[in-house]
């Protein structure tokens, strides 16, 4: 919380303190509002959202922000007579958790696991060849962690 934030005013969470995002589906406007809140920084009211999304009615934005709050994607606090909304998670946390769940689901399906991993490695290489070295380092670190866990049992 900054000095200019009122006591109940939500602020962006710290990476280490925030809970893990739940598995939720977002509609197009929900996704746009979430991206806007991440880019904006401090918490925002519905009136702030109206200025950024003039093509949408106040009530549409109010309902959508409330829906994101009920889905536990946003936190909210009083800001005068209005609510101010802020993401519960950083963008990196949100994307990381979604990717982890998607890969976990794909690998848990069993069939075609080698193909899934092969496509992932190919996609990483197409994106940036240096990322393959990062991926290799992460794989080696995870192998060490698993070995250490087995040895400590």
C-alpha atoms as a PDB file:
ATOM      1  CA  UNK A   1       0.000   0.000   0.000  1.00  0.00           C
ATOM      2  CA  UNK A   2       1.407   3.406  -0.913  1.00  0.00           C
ATOM      3  CA  UNK A   3       1.034   6.538   1.215  1.00  0.00           C
ATOM      4  CA  UNK A   4      -1.661   7.932  -1.058  1.00  0.00           C
ATOM      5  CA  UNK A   5      -3.808   4.765  -0.997  1.00  0.00           C
ATOM      6  CA  UNK A   6      -6.699   4.731   1.470  1.00  0.00           C
ATOM      7  CA  UNK A   7      -6.530   1.898   4.066  1.00  0.00           C
ATOM      8  CA  UNK A   8      -8.975  -0.441   2.258  1.00  0.00           C
ATOM      9  CA  UNK A   9      -7.560   0.305  -1.180  1.00  0.00           C
ATOM     10  CA  UNK A  10      -6.303  -2.892  -2.873  1.00  0.00           C
ATOM     11  CA  UNK A  11      -2.824  -2.845  -4.288  1.00  0.00           C
ATOM     12  CA  UNK A  12      -1.003  -5.175  -6.647  1.00  0.00           C
ATOM     13  CA  UNK A  13       0.116  -8.277  -4.761  1.00  0.00           C
ATOM     14  CA  UNK A  14       3.726  -9.215  -4.207  1.00  0.00           C
ATOM     15  CA  UNK A  15       4.724 -12.340  -6.119  1.00  0.00           C
ATOM     16  CA  UNK A  16       5.782 -14.292  -3.040  1.00  0.00           C
ATOM     17  CA  UNK A  17       2.704 -13.420  -0.960  1.00  0.00           C
ATOM     18  CA  UNK A  18      -0.094 -14.073  -3.437  1.00  0.00           C
ATOM     19  CA  UNK A  19      -2.082 -17.310  -3.509  1.00  0.00           C
ATOM     20  CA  UNK A  20      -2.124 -19.468  -6.628  1.00  0.00           C
ATOM     21  CA  UNK A  21      -4.673 -18.529  -9.284  1.00  0.00           C
ATOM     22  CA  UNK A  22      -7.699 -20.785  -9.562  1.00  0.00           C
ATOM     23  CA  UNK A  23      -8.695 -22.422 -12.815  1.00  0.00           C
ATOM     24  CA  UNK A  24     -11.243 -20.046 -14.337  1.00  0.00           C
ATOM     25  CA  UNK A  25     -12.414 -19.247 -17.827  1.00  0.00           C
ATOM     26  CA  UNK A  26     -12.322 -15.591 -18.799  1.00  0.00           C
ATOM     27  CA  UNK A  27     -14.531 -13.957 -21.369  1.00  0.00           C
ATOM     28  CA  UNK A  28     -13.066 -11.483 -23.872  1.00  0.00           C
ATOM     29  CA  UNK A  29     -13.963  -8.364 -21.856  1.00  0.00           C
ATOM     30  CA  UNK A  30     -12.764  -9.984 -18.628  1.00  0.00           C
ATOM     31  CA  UNK A  31      -9.406 -10.658 -20.263  1.00  0.00           C
ATOM     32  CA  UNK A  32      -9.179  -7.108 -21.610  1.00  0.00           C
ATOM     33  CA  UNK A  33      -9.958  -5.623 -18.204  1.00  0.00           C
ATOM     34  CA  UNK A  34      -7.411  -7.851 -16.501  1.00  0.00           C
ATOM     35  CA  UNK A  35      -4.704  -6.875 -19.010  1.00  0.00           C
ATOM     36  CA  UNK A  36      -5.633  -3.208 -18.525  1.00  0.00           C
ATOM     37  CA  UNK A  37      -5.389  -3.520 -14.738  1.00  0.00           C
ATOM     38  CA  UNK A  38      -1.946  -5.143 -14.981  1.00  0.00           C
ATOM     39  CA  UNK A  39      -0.718  -2.393 -17.318  1.00  0.00           C
ATOM     40  CA  UNK A  40      -2.333   0.366 -15.271  1.00  0.00           C
ATOM     41  CA  UNK A  41      -0.681  -0.472 -11.985  1.00  0.00           C
ATOM     42  CA  UNK A  42      -2.740   0.872  -9.097  1.00  0.00           C
ATOM     43  CA  UNK A  43      -6.261  -0.281  -8.355  1.00  0.00           C
ATOM     44  CA  UNK A  44      -9.047   1.143 -10.492  1.00  0.00           C
ATOM     45  CA  UNK A  45     -12.693   1.990 -10.043  1.00  0.00           C
ATOM     46  CA  UNK A  46     -15.481   1.355 -12.521  1.00  0.00           C
ATOM     47  CA  UNK A  47     -15.287   5.042 -13.460  1.00  0.00           C
ATOM     48  CA  UNK A  48     -11.583   4.578 -14.311  1.00  0.00           C
ATOM     49  CA  UNK A  49     -12.528   1.608 -16.493  1.00  0.00           C
ATOM     50  CA  UNK A  50     -15.181   3.712 -18.246  1.00  0.00           C
ATOM     51  CA  UNK A  51     -12.513   6.188 -19.306  1.00  0.00           C
ATOM     52  CA  UNK A  52     -10.376   3.365 -20.719  1.00  0.00           C
ATOM     53  CA  UNK A  53     -13.288   1.447 -22.304  1.00  0.00           C
ATOM     54  CA  UNK A  54     -15.704   4.138 -23.539  1.00  0.00           C
ATOM     55  CA  UNK A  55     -17.368   1.657 -25.919  1.00  0.00           C
ATOM     56  CA  UNK A  56     -18.842  -0.215 -22.910  1.00  0.00           C
ATOM     57  CA  UNK A  57     -21.609   0.928 -20.577  1.00  0.00           C
ATOM     58  CA  UNK A  58     -20.837   1.677 -16.934  1.00  0.00           C
ATOM     59  CA  UNK A  59     -23.095  -1.188 -15.831  1.00  0.00           C
ATOM     60  CA  UNK A  60     -21.343  -3.643 -18.185  1.00  0.00           C
ATOM     61  CA  UNK A  61     -17.952  -2.750 -16.735  1.00  0.00           C
ATOM     62  CA  UNK A  62     -19.289  -2.831 -13.165  1.00  0.00           C
ATOM     63  CA  UNK A  63     -20.780  -6.295 -13.709  1.00  0.00           C
ATOM     64  CA  UNK A  64     -17.617  -7.598 -15.376  1.00  0.00           C
ATOM     65  CA  UNK A  65     -15.315  -6.311 -12.629  1.00  0.00           C
ATOM     66  CA  UNK A  66     -17.636  -7.784  -9.997  1.00  0.00           C
ATOM     67  CA  UNK A  67     -17.628 -11.115 -11.864  1.00  0.00           C
ATOM     68  CA  UNK A  68     -13.809 -11.119 -11.865  1.00  0.00           C
ATOM     69  CA  UNK A  69     -13.907 -10.418  -8.134  1.00  0.00           C
ATOM     70  CA  UNK A  70     -16.331 -13.326  -7.533  1.00  0.00           C
ATOM     71  CA  UNK A  71     -14.044 -15.570  -9.614  1.00  0.00           C
ATOM     72  CA  UNK A  72     -11.267 -14.508  -7.191  1.00  0.00           C
ATOM     73  CA  UNK A  73      -9.198 -12.998 -10.006  1.00  0.00           C
ATOM     74  CA  UNK A  74      -9.497  -9.465  -8.592  1.00  0.00           C
ATOM     75  CA  UNK A  75      -9.412  -8.107  -5.084  1.00  0.00           C
ATOM     76  CA  UNK A  76     -11.434  -5.065  -4.188  1.00  0.00           C
ATOM     77  CA  UNK A  77     -11.632  -2.500  -1.461  1.00  0.00           C
ATOM     78  CA  UNK A  78     -13.509   0.690  -0.727  1.00  0.00           C
ATOM     79  CA  UNK A  79     -12.328   3.838  -2.444  1.00  0.00           C
ATOM     80  CA  UNK A  80     -14.697   6.503  -1.148  1.00  0.00           C
ATOM     81  CA  UNK A  81     -18.205   5.373  -2.092  1.00  0.00           C
ATOM     82  CA  UNK A  82     -16.957   3.118  -4.888  1.00  0.00           C
ATOM     83  CA  UNK A  83     -15.007  -0.114  -5.065  1.00  0.00           C
ATOM     84  CA  UNK A  84     -11.472  -0.160  -6.413  1.00  0.00           C
ATOM     85  CA  UNK A  85     -10.264  -3.352  -8.096  1.00  0.00           C
ATOM     86  CA  UNK A  86      -6.761  -4.782  -8.487  1.00  0.00           C
ATOM     87  CA  UNK A  87      -5.482  -8.140  -9.757  1.00  0.00           C
ATOM     88  CA  UNK A  88      -4.840 -10.755  -7.067  1.00  0.00           C
ATOM     89  CA  UNK A  89      -1.921 -12.103  -9.107  1.00  0.00           C
ATOM     90  CA  UNK A  90       0.874 -10.715 -11.203  1.00  0.00           C
ATOM     91  CA  UNK A  91       0.664 -11.345 -14.933  1.00  0.00           C
ATOM     92  CA  UNK A  92       3.628 -13.734 -14.671  1.00  0.00           C
ATOM     93  CA  UNK A  93       1.910 -15.740 -11.907  1.00  0.00           C
ATOM     94  CA  UNK A  94      -1.312 -15.916 -13.920  1.00  0.00           C
ATOM     95  CA  UNK A  95       0.387 -17.096 -17.112  1.00  0.00           C
ATOM     96  CA  UNK A  96       2.694 -19.496 -15.294  1.00  0.00           C
ATOM     97  CA  UNK A  97      -0.128 -21.175 -13.423  1.00  0.00           C
ATOM     98  CA  UNK A  98      -2.269 -21.486 -16.546  1.00  0.00           C
ATOM     99  CA  UNK A  99       0.628 -22.977 -18.511  1.00  0.00           C
ATOM    100  CA  UNK A 100       1.446 -25.391 -15.694  1.00  0.00           C
ATOM    101  CA  UNK A 101      -2.141 -26.626 -15.525  1.00  0.00           C
ATOM    102  CA  UNK A 102      -2.471 -26.973 -19.295  1.00  0.00           C
ATOM    103  CA  UNK A 103       0.774 -28.950 -19.599  1.00  0.00           C
ATOM    104  CA  UNK A 104      -0.171 -31.041 -16.582  1.00  0.00           C
ATOM    105  CA  UNK A 105      -3.535 -31.875 -18.140  1.00  0.00           C
ATOM    106  CA  UNK A 106      -1.962 -32.763 -21.471  1.00  0.00           C
ATOM    107  CA  UNK A 107       0.695 -34.971 -19.905  1.00  0.00           C
ATOM    108  CA  UNK A 108      -1.808 -36.640 -17.559  1.00  0.00           C
ATOM    109  CA  UNK A 109      -3.834 -37.758 -20.565  1.00  0.00           C
ATOM    110  CA  UNK A 110      -1.042 -40.273 -21.143  1.00  0.00           C
ATOM    111  CA  UNK A 111      -1.290 -40.868 -24.876  1.00  0.00           C
ATOM    112  CA  UNK A 112       1.125 -38.923 -27.030  1.00  0.00           C
ATOM    113  CA  UNK A 113       3.282 -37.573 -24.216  1.00  0.00           C
ATOM    114  CA  UNK A 114       6.414 -37.786 -26.357  1.00  0.00           C
ATOM    115  CA  UNK A 115       4.655 -35.847 -29.118  1.00  0.00           C
ATOM    116  CA  UNK A 116       3.530 -33.177 -26.636  1.00  0.00           C
ATOM    117  CA  UNK A 117       7.071 -32.741 -25.317  1.00  0.00           C
ATOM    118  CA  UNK A 118       8.502 -32.733 -28.843  1.00  0.00           C
ATOM    119  CA  UNK A 119       6.074 -30.013 -29.953  1.00  0.00           C
ATOM    120  CA  UNK A 120       6.858 -27.973 -26.850  1.00  0.00           C
ATOM    121  CA  UNK A 121      10.623 -28.165 -27.462  1.00  0.00           C
ATOM    122  CA  UNK A 122      10.093 -27.246 -31.139  1.00  0.00           C
ATOM    123  CA  UNK A 123       7.935 -24.267 -30.159  1.00  0.00           C
ATOM    124  CA  UNK A 124      10.567 -23.085 -27.679  1.00  0.00           C
ATOM    125  CA  UNK A 125      13.288 -23.382 -30.332  1.00  0.00           C
ATOM    126  CA  UNK A 126      11.235 -21.485 -32.914  1.00  0.00           C
ATOM    127  CA  UNK A 127      10.601 -18.705 -30.404  1.00  0.00           C
ATOM    128  CA  UNK A 128      14.246 -18.254 -29.415  1.00  0.00           C
ATOM    129  CA  UNK A 129      17.073 -20.788 -29.707  1.00  0.00           C
ATOM    130  CA  UNK A 130      18.642 -19.453 -26.481  1.00  0.00           C
ATOM    131  CA  UNK A 131      15.501 -20.524 -24.667  1.00  0.00           C
ATOM    132  CA  UNK A 132      16.488 -24.143 -25.394  1.00  0.00           C
ATOM    133  CA  UNK A 133      19.559 -23.607 -23.209  1.00  0.00           C
ATOM    134  CA  UNK A 134      17.327 -22.121 -20.484  1.00  0.00           C
ATOM    135  CA  UNK A 135      14.986 -25.098 -20.815  1.00  0.00           C
ATOM    136  CA  UNK A 136      17.928 -27.497 -20.527  1.00  0.00           C
ATOM    137  CA  UNK A 137      19.110 -25.700 -17.371  1.00  0.00           C
ATOM    138  CA  UNK A 138      15.631 -25.936 -15.885  1.00  0.00           C
ATOM    139  CA  UNK A 139      15.428 -29.653 -16.705  1.00  0.00           C
ATOM    140  CA  UNK A 140      18.824 -30.272 -15.060  1.00  0.00           C
ATOM    141  CA  UNK A 141      17.794 -28.281 -11.968  1.00  0.00           C
ATOM    142  CA  UNK A 142      14.537 -30.237 -11.670  1.00  0.00           C
ATOM    143  CA  UNK A 143      16.447 -33.531 -11.988  1.00  0.00           C
ATOM    144  CA  UNK A 144      18.766 -32.426  -9.153  1.00  0.00           C
ATOM    145  CA  UNK A 145      15.781 -31.416  -7.007  1.00  0.00           C
ATOM    146  CA  UNK A 146      14.050 -34.767  -7.578  1.00  0.00           C
ATOM    147  CA  UNK A 147      17.278 -36.669  -6.830  1.00  0.00           C
ATOM    148  CA  UNK A 148      17.829 -34.671  -3.648  1.00  0.00           C
ATOM    149  CA  UNK A 149      14.221 -35.293  -2.574  1.00  0.00           C
ATOM    150  CA  UNK A 150      14.638 -39.055  -3.099  1.00  0.00           C
ATOM    151  CA  UNK A 151      17.913 -39.090  -1.155  1.00  0.00           C
ATOM    152  CA  UNK A 152      16.396 -37.176   1.780  1.00  0.00           C
ATOM    153  CA  UNK A 153      13.528 -39.664   2.204  1.00  0.00           C
END
